[in-house]
Amino acid sequence: MLQAVRKEENMAEYKPTALQTSKRYLTATDVAELLGVSRSTAYRIIKRLNSELEKAGKLNVAGKVSAKYFYENTYL
């Protein structure tokens, strides 16, 4: 419980960057830059996130990921 409270406190201090507020979808290049990984790894991450969205019945775009979903699942 204490960890959840601390996480909420940290999220209250969260301020999105310009990239986070300007795009609805992130490309592999964006994901690679944000996470500090190669583009091929970024494509694998996007594929995994998009498969999760598809299982939930959401539409997705191949090679791109919803910025909102990406930030919710990477805790950036």
PDB file of N, CA and C in Angstrom:
ATOM      1  N   MET A   1       0.828  -1.191   0.000  1.00  0.00           N
ATOM      2  CA  MET A   1       0.000   0.000   0.000  1.00  0.00           C
ATOM      3  C   MET A   1       0.870   1.253   0.000  1.00  0.00           C
ATOM      4  N   LEU A   2       1.915   1.230   0.803  1.00  0.00           N
ATOM      5  CA  LEU A   2       2.801   2.382   0.888  1.00  0.00           C
ATOM      6  C   LEU A   2       3.459   2.660  -0.457  1.00  0.00           C
ATOM      7  N   GLN A   3       3.832   1.595  -1.181  1.00  0.00           N
ATOM      8  CA  GLN A   3       4.453   1.774  -2.488  1.00  0.00           C
ATOM      9  C   GLN A   3       3.480   2.427  -3.465  1.00  0.00           C
ATOM     10  N   ALA A   4       2.217   2.047  -3.401  1.00  0.00           N
ATOM     11  CA  ALA A   4       1.214   2.630  -4.291  1.00  0.00           C
ATOM     12  C   ALA A   4       1.047   4.116  -4.025  1.00  0.00           C
ATOM     13  N   VAL A   5       1.088   4.502  -2.758  1.00  0.00           N
ATOM     14  CA  VAL A   5       0.967   5.915  -2.389  1.00  0.00           C
ATOM     15  C   VAL A   5       2.169   6.690  -2.917  1.00  0.00           C
ATOM     16  N   ARG A   6       3.361   6.114  -2.762  1.00  0.00           N
ATOM     17  CA  ARG A   6       4.568   6.791  -3.256  1.00  0.00           C
ATOM     18  C   ARG A   6       4.523   6.946  -4.769  1.00  0.00           C
ATOM     19  N   LYS A   7       4.044   5.903  -5.456  1.00  0.00           N
ATOM     20  CA  LYS A   7       3.951   5.965  -6.913  1.00  0.00           C
ATOM     21  C   LYS A   7       2.994   7.070  -7.336  1.00  0.00           C
ATOM     22  N   GLU A   8       1.860   7.191  -6.645  1.00  0.00           N
ATOM     23  CA  GLU A   8       0.906   8.256  -6.962  1.00  0.00           C
ATOM     24  C   GLU A   8       1.519   9.628  -6.714  1.00  0.00           C
ATOM     25  N   GLU A   9       2.310   9.756  -5.656  1.00  0.00           N
ATOM     26  CA  GLU A   9       2.977  11.033  -5.380  1.00  0.00           C
ATOM     27  C   GLU A   9       3.947  11.365  -6.500  1.00  0.00           C
ATOM     28  N   ASN A  10       4.696  10.365  -6.970  1.00  0.00           N
ATOM     29  CA  ASN A  10       5.637  10.585  -8.065  1.00  0.00           C
ATOM     30  C   ASN A  10       4.905  10.962  -9.342  1.00  0.00           C
ATOM     31  N   MET A  11       3.764  10.340  -9.602  1.00  0.00           N
ATOM     32  CA  MET A  11       2.995  10.647 -10.805  1.00  0.00           C
ATOM     33  C   MET A  11       2.418  12.055 -10.735  1.00  0.00           C
ATOM     34  N   ALA A  12       2.136  12.561  -9.535  1.00  0.00           N
ATOM     35  CA  ALA A  12       1.609  13.912  -9.388  1.00  0.00           C
ATOM     36  C   ALA A  12       2.652  14.947  -9.805  1.00  0.00           C
ATOM     37  N   GLU A  13       3.927  14.615  -9.641  1.00  0.00           N
ATOM     38  CA  GLU A  13       5.012  15.515 -10.001  1.00  0.00           C
ATOM     39  C   GLU A  13       5.394  15.378 -11.477  1.00  0.00           C
ATOM     40  N   TYR A  14       4.822  14.426 -12.162  1.00  0.00           N
ATOM     41  CA  TYR A  14       5.151  14.114 -13.548  1.00  0.00           C
ATOM     42  C   TYR A  14       4.776  15.260 -14.476  1.00  0.00           C
ATOM     43  N   LYS A  15       5.727  15.649 -15.331  1.00  0.00           N
ATOM     44  CA  LYS A  15       5.464  16.682 -16.331  1.00  0.00           C
ATOM     45  C   LYS A  15       5.903  16.139 -17.686  1.00  0.00           C
ATOM     46  N   PRO A  16       4.978  16.019 -18.635  1.00  0.00           N
ATOM     47  CA  PRO A  16       5.325  15.469 -19.940  1.00  0.00           C
ATOM     48  C   PRO A  16       6.263  16.389 -20.718  1.00  0.00           C
ATOM     49  N   THR A  17       7.094  15.774 -21.549  1.00  0.00           N
ATOM     50  CA  THR A  17       8.000  16.548 -22.391  1.00  0.00           C
ATOM     51  C   THR A  17       7.247  17.022 -23.630  1.00  0.00           C
ATOM     52  N   ALA A  18       7.906  17.832 -24.449  1.00  0.00           N
ATOM     53  CA  ALA A  18       7.276  18.347 -25.662  1.00  0.00           C
ATOM     54  C   ALA A  18       6.898  17.204 -26.600  1.00  0.00           C
ATOM     55  N   LEU A  19       7.754  16.185 -26.693  1.00  0.00           N
ATOM     56  CA  LEU A  19       7.465  15.048 -27.560  1.00  0.00           C
ATOM     57  C   LEU A  19       6.213  14.326 -27.080  1.00  0.00           C
ATOM     58  N   GLN A  20       6.053  14.196 -25.785  1.00  0.00           N
ATOM     59  CA  GLN A  20       4.914  13.477 -25.227  1.00  0.00           C
ATOM     60  C   GLN A  20       3.595  14.201 -25.487  1.00  0.00           C
ATOM     61  N   THR A  21       3.606  15.489 -25.531  1.00  0.00           N
ATOM     62  CA  THR A  21       2.365  16.229 -25.697  1.00  0.00           C
ATOM     63  C   THR A  21       2.016  16.496 -27.154  1.00  0.00           C
ATOM     64  N   SER A  22       2.974  16.346 -28.054  1.00  0.00           N
ATOM     65  CA  SER A  22       2.725  16.740 -29.437  1.00  0.00           C
ATOM     66  C   SER A  22       2.296  15.596 -30.353  1.00  0.00           C
ATOM     67  N   LYS A  23       2.465  14.352 -29.947  1.00  0.00           N
ATOM     68  CA  LYS A  23       2.168  13.236 -30.837  1.00  0.00           C
ATOM     69  C   LYS A  23       1.143  12.290 -30.231  1.00  0.00           C
ATOM     70  N   ARG A  24       0.241  11.812 -31.077  1.00  0.00           N
ATOM     71  CA  ARG A  24      -0.716  10.781 -30.643  1.00  0.00           C
ATOM     72  C   ARG A  24      -0.104   9.394 -30.793  1.00  0.00           C
ATOM     73  N   TYR A  25       0.725   9.212 -31.813  1.00  0.00           N
ATOM     74  CA  TYR A  25       1.379   7.935 -32.064  1.00  0.00           C
ATOM     75  C   TYR A  25       2.884   8.136 -32.091  1.00  0.00           C
ATOM     76  N   LEU A  26       3.603   7.147 -31.584  1.00  0.00           N
ATOM     77  CA  LEU A  26       5.057   7.173 -31.598  1.00  0.00           C
ATOM     78  C   LEU A  26       5.562   6.163 -32.611  1.00  0.00           C
ATOM     79  N   THR A  27       6.611   6.524 -33.326  1.00  0.00           N
ATOM     80  CA  THR A  27       7.239   5.616 -34.278  1.00  0.00           C
ATOM     81  C   THR A  27       8.348   4.850 -33.579  1.00  0.00           C
ATOM     82  N   ALA A  28       8.941   3.902 -34.282  1.00  0.00           N
ATOM     83  CA  ALA A  28      10.044   3.128 -33.719  1.00  0.00           C
ATOM     84  C   ALA A  28      11.227   4.036 -33.386  1.00  0.00           C
ATOM     85  N   THR A  29      11.455   5.038 -34.198  1.00  0.00           N
ATOM     86  CA  THR A  29      12.551   5.978 -33.931  1.00  0.00           C
ATOM     87  C   THR A  29      12.302   6.732 -32.634  1.00  0.00           C
ATOM     88  N   ASP A  30      11.062   7.180 -32.419  1.00  0.00           N
ATOM     89  CA  ASP A  30      10.714   7.877 -31.176  1.00  0.00           C
ATOM     90  C   ASP A  30      10.921   6.979 -29.966  1.00  0.00           C
ATOM     91  N   VAL A  31      10.424   5.745 -30.058  1.00  0.00           N
ATOM     92  CA  VAL A  31      10.538   4.795 -28.944  1.00  0.00           C
ATOM     93  C   VAL A  31      12.003   4.489 -28.668  1.00  0.00           C
ATOM     94  N   ALA A  32      12.791   4.300 -29.726  1.00  0.00           N
ATOM     95  CA  ALA A  32      14.221   4.017 -29.568  1.00  0.00           C
ATOM     96  C   ALA A  32      14.925   5.154 -28.845  1.00  0.00           C
ATOM     97  N   GLU A  33      14.632   6.395 -29.206  1.00  0.00           N
ATOM     98  CA  GLU A  33      15.254   7.548 -28.558  1.00  0.00           C
ATOM     99  C   GLU A  33      14.842   7.663 -27.092  1.00  0.00           C
ATOM    100  N   LEU A  34      13.555   7.455 -26.825  1.00  0.00           N
ATOM    101  CA  LEU A  34      13.056   7.593 -25.458  1.00  0.00           C
ATOM    102  C   LEU A  34      13.618   6.530 -24.519  1.00  0.00           C
ATOM    103  N   LEU A  35      13.768   5.307 -25.019  1.00  0.00           N
ATOM    104  CA  LEU A  35      14.227   4.204 -24.173  1.00  0.00           C
ATOM    105  C   LEU A  35      15.720   3.934 -24.285  1.00  0.00           C
ATOM    106  N   GLY A  36      16.366   4.540 -25.264  1.00  0.00           N
ATOM    107  CA  GLY A  36      17.799   4.330 -25.438  1.00  0.00           C
ATOM    108  C   GLY A  36      18.118   2.934 -25.956  1.00  0.00           C
ATOM    109  N   VAL A  37      17.290   2.441 -26.880  1.00  0.00           N
ATOM    110  CA  VAL A  37      17.491   1.117 -27.470  1.00  0.00           C
ATOM    111  C   VAL A  37      17.589   1.256 -28.981  1.00  0.00           C
ATOM    112  N   SER A  38      17.910   0.145 -29.649  1.00  0.00           N
ATOM    113  CA  SER A  38      17.989   0.176 -31.113  1.00  0.00           C
ATOM    114  C   SER A  38      16.588   0.225 -31.717  1.00  0.00           C
ATOM    115  N   ARG A  39      16.520   0.568 -32.996  1.00  0.00           N
ATOM    116  CA  ARG A  39      15.214   0.619 -33.664  1.00  0.00           C
ATOM    117  C   ARG A  39      14.578  -0.757 -33.759  1.00  0.00           C
ATOM    118  N   SER A  40      15.395  -1.796 -33.951  1.00  0.00           N
ATOM    119  CA  SER A  40      14.819  -3.139 -34.040  1.00  0.00           C
ATOM    120  C   SER A  40      14.195  -3.546 -32.705  1.00  0.00           C
ATOM    121  N   THR A  41      14.821  -3.186 -31.608  1.00  0.00           N
ATOM    122  CA  THR A  41      14.241  -3.445 -30.290  1.00  0.00           C
ATOM    123  C   THR A  41      12.980  -2.618 -30.097  1.00  0.00           C
ATOM    124  N   ALA A  42      12.994  -1.396 -30.577  1.00  0.00           N
ATOM    125  CA  ALA A  42      11.805  -0.537 -30.483  1.00  0.00           C
ATOM    126  C   ALA A  42      10.638  -1.145 -31.256  1.00  0.00           C
ATOM    127  N   TYR A  43      10.908  -1.727 -32.419  1.00  0.00           N
ATOM    128  CA  TYR A  43       9.841  -2.391 -33.182  1.00  0.00           C
ATOM    129  C   TYR A  43       9.273  -3.580 -32.409  1.00  0.00           C
ATOM    130  N   ARG A  44      10.125  -4.333 -31.723  1.00  0.00           N
ATOM    131  CA  ARG A  44       9.638  -5.461 -30.917  1.00  0.00           C
ATOM    132  C   ARG A  44       8.752  -4.974 -29.776  1.00  0.00           C
ATOM    133  N   ILE A  45       9.143  -3.868 -29.151  1.00  0.00           N
ATOM    134  CA  ILE A  45       8.344  -3.290 -28.065  1.00  0.00           C
ATOM    135  C   ILE A  45       6.997  -2.828 -28.602  1.00  0.00           C
ATOM    136  N   ILE A  46       7.015  -2.154 -29.748  1.00  0.00           N
ATOM    137  CA  ILE A  46       5.773  -1.680 -30.362  1.00  0.00           C
ATOM    138  C   ILE A  46       4.871  -2.864 -30.712  1.00  0.00           C
ATOM    139  N   LYS A  47       5.457  -3.912 -31.261  1.00  0.00           N
ATOM    140  CA  LYS A  47       4.673  -5.092 -31.615  1.00  0.00           C
ATOM    141  C   LYS A  47       4.001  -5.684 -30.377  1.00  0.00           C
ATOM    142  N   ARG A  48       4.727  -5.760 -29.277  1.00  0.00           N
ATOM    143  CA  ARG A  48       4.156  -6.311 -28.044  1.00  0.00           C
ATOM    144  C   ARG A  48       3.028  -5.441 -27.505  1.00  0.00           C
ATOM    145  N   LEU A  49       3.251  -4.136 -27.471  1.00  0.00           N
ATOM    146  CA  LEU A  49       2.218  -3.228 -26.987  1.00  0.00           C
ATOM    147  C   LEU A  49       0.984  -3.265 -27.888  1.00  0.00           C
ATOM    148  N   ASN A  50       1.189  -3.317 -29.195  1.00  0.00           N
ATOM    149  CA  ASN A  50       0.057  -3.375 -30.114  1.00  0.00           C
ATOM    150  C   ASN A  50      -0.716  -4.685 -29.988  1.00  0.00           C
ATOM    151  N   SER A  51      -0.010  -5.780 -29.695  1.00  0.00           N
ATOM    152  CA  SER A  51      -0.722  -7.048 -29.509  1.00  0.00           C
ATOM    153  C   SER A  51      -1.588  -7.006 -28.257  1.00  0.00           C
ATOM    154  N   GLU A  52      -1.096  -6.328 -27.203  1.00  0.00           N
ATOM    155  CA  GLU A  52      -1.900  -6.148 -25.988  1.00  0.00           C
ATOM    156  C   GLU A  52      -3.153  -5.326 -26.293  1.00  0.00           C
ATOM    157  N   LEU A  53      -2.989  -4.277 -27.091  1.00  0.00           N
ATOM    158  CA  LEU A  53      -4.139  -3.448 -27.470  1.00  0.00           C
ATOM    159  C   LEU A  53      -5.136  -4.242 -28.311  1.00  0.00           C
ATOM    160  N   GLU A  54      -4.610  -5.064 -29.210  1.00  0.00           N
ATOM    161  CA  GLU A  54      -5.483  -5.861 -30.069  1.00  0.00           C
ATOM    162  C   GLU A  54      -6.298  -6.860 -29.242  1.00  0.00           C
ATOM    163  N   LYS A  55      -5.661  -7.479 -28.252  1.00  0.00           N
ATOM    164  CA  LYS A  55      -6.373  -8.407 -27.372  1.00  0.00           C
ATOM    165  C   LYS A  55      -7.492  -7.710 -26.611  1.00  0.00           C
ATOM    166  N   ALA A  56      -7.288  -6.424 -26.322  1.00  0.00           N
ATOM    167  CA  ALA A  56      -8.301  -5.636 -25.614  1.00  0.00           C
ATOM    168  C   ALA A  56      -9.373  -5.110 -26.570  1.00  0.00           C
ATOM    169  N   GLY A  57      -9.239  -5.435 -27.862  1.00  0.00           N
ATOM    170  CA  GLY A  57     -10.236  -5.021 -28.842  1.00  0.00           C
ATOM    171  C   GLY A  57     -10.033  -3.622 -29.388  1.00  0.00           C
ATOM    172  N   LYS A  58      -8.843  -3.075 -29.228  1.00  0.00           N
ATOM    173  CA  LYS A  58      -8.548  -1.728 -29.716  1.00  0.00           C
ATOM    174  C   LYS A  58      -7.901  -1.791 -31.094  1.00  0.00           C
ATOM    175  N   LEU A  59      -8.109  -0.756 -31.875  1.00  0.00           N
ATOM    176  CA  LEU A  59      -7.446  -0.637 -33.177  1.00  0.00           C
ATOM    177  C   LEU A  59      -6.028  -0.135 -32.970  1.00  0.00           C
ATOM    178  N   ASN A  60      -5.129  -0.553 -33.852  1.00  0.00           N
ATOM    179  CA  ASN A  60      -3.764  -0.048 -33.772  1.00  0.00           C
ATOM    180  C   ASN A  60      -3.189   0.116 -35.166  1.00  0.00           C
ATOM    181  N   VAL A  61      -2.080   0.810 -35.241  1.00  0.00           N
ATOM    182  CA  VAL A  61      -1.405   1.079 -36.510  1.00  0.00           C
ATOM    183  C   VAL A  61      -0.080   0.323 -36.490  1.00  0.00           C
ATOM    184  N   ALA A  62       0.163  -0.503 -37.499  1.00  0.00           N
ATOM    185  CA  ALA A  62       1.401  -1.270 -37.566  1.00  0.00           C
ATOM    186  C   ALA A  62       2.609  -0.329 -37.610  1.00  0.00           C
ATOM    187  N   GLY A  63       3.603  -0.622 -36.791  1.00  0.00           N
ATOM    188  CA  GLY A  63       4.827   0.178 -36.763  1.00  0.00           C
ATOM    189  C   GLY A  63       4.739   1.425 -35.919  1.00  0.00           C
ATOM    190  N   LYS A  64       3.572   1.670 -35.318  1.00  0.00           N
ATOM    191  CA  LYS A  64       3.395   2.817 -34.432  1.00  0.00           C
ATOM    192  C   LYS A  64       2.629   2.357 -33.205  1.00  0.00           C
ATOM    193  N   VAL A  65       2.764   3.110 -32.134  1.00  0.00           N
ATOM    194  CA  VAL A  65       2.043   2.776 -30.911  1.00  0.00           C
ATOM    195  C   VAL A  65       1.419   4.055 -30.356  1.00  0.00           C
ATOM    196  N   SER A  66       0.266   3.907 -29.762  1.00  0.00           N
ATOM    197  CA  SER A  66      -0.395   5.050 -29.134  1.00  0.00           C
ATOM    198  C   SER A  66       0.536   5.637 -28.073  1.00  0.00           C
ATOM    199  N   ALA A  67       0.768   6.929 -28.147  1.00  0.00           N
ATOM    200  CA  ALA A  67       1.663   7.582 -27.185  1.00  0.00           C
ATOM    201  C   ALA A  67       1.132   7.432 -25.766  1.00  0.00           C
ATOM    202  N   LYS A  68      -0.163   7.594 -25.605  1.00  0.00           N
ATOM    203  CA  LYS A  68      -0.765   7.472 -24.272  1.00  0.00           C
ATOM    204  C   LYS A  68      -0.531   6.075 -23.702  1.00  0.00           C
ATOM    205  N   TYR A  69      -0.782   5.052 -24.498  1.00  0.00           N
ATOM    206  CA  TYR A  69      -0.602   3.672 -24.038  1.00  0.00           C
ATOM    207  C   TYR A  69       0.869   3.386 -23.749  1.00  0.00           C
ATOM    208  N   PHE A  70       1.753   3.907 -24.595  1.00  0.00           N
ATOM    209  CA  PHE A  70       3.192   3.709 -24.397  1.00  0.00           C
ATOM    210  C   PHE A  70       3.645   4.273 -23.055  1.00  0.00           C
ATOM    211  N   TYR A  71       3.269   5.527 -22.757  1.00  0.00           N
ATOM    212  CA  TYR A  71       3.721   6.153 -21.519  1.00  0.00           C
ATOM    213  C   TYR A  71       3.083   5.500 -20.294  1.00  0.00           C
ATOM    214  N   GLU A  72       1.845   5.027 -20.412  1.00  0.00           N
ATOM    215  CA  GLU A  72       1.203   4.331 -19.297  1.00  0.00           C
ATOM    216  C   GLU A  72       1.928   3.018 -18.972  1.00  0.00           C
ATOM    217  N   ASN A  73       2.469   2.362 -19.974  1.00  0.00           N
ATOM    218  CA  ASN A  73       3.063   1.056 -19.776  1.00  0.00           C
ATOM    219  C   ASN A  73       4.578   1.062 -19.610  1.00  0.00           C
ATOM    220  N   THR A  74       5.219   2.198 -19.810  1.00  0.00           N
ATOM    221  CA  THR A  74       6.668   2.264 -19.619  1.00  0.00           C
ATOM    222  C   THR A  74       7.061   3.100 -18.412  1.00  0.00           C
ATOM    223  N   TYR A  75       6.112   3.768 -17.793  1.00  0.00           N
ATOM    224  CA  TYR A  75       6.353   4.583 -16.601  1.00  0.00           C
ATOM    225  C   TYR A  75       7.414   5.656 -16.839  1.00  0.00           C
ATOM    226  N   LEU A  76       7.377   6.282 -17.999  1.00  0.00           N
ATOM    227  CA  LEU A  76       8.291   7.400 -18.280  1.00  0.00           C
ATOM    228  C   LEU A  76       7.676   8.699 -17.867  1.00  0.00           C
TER     229      LEU A  76
END
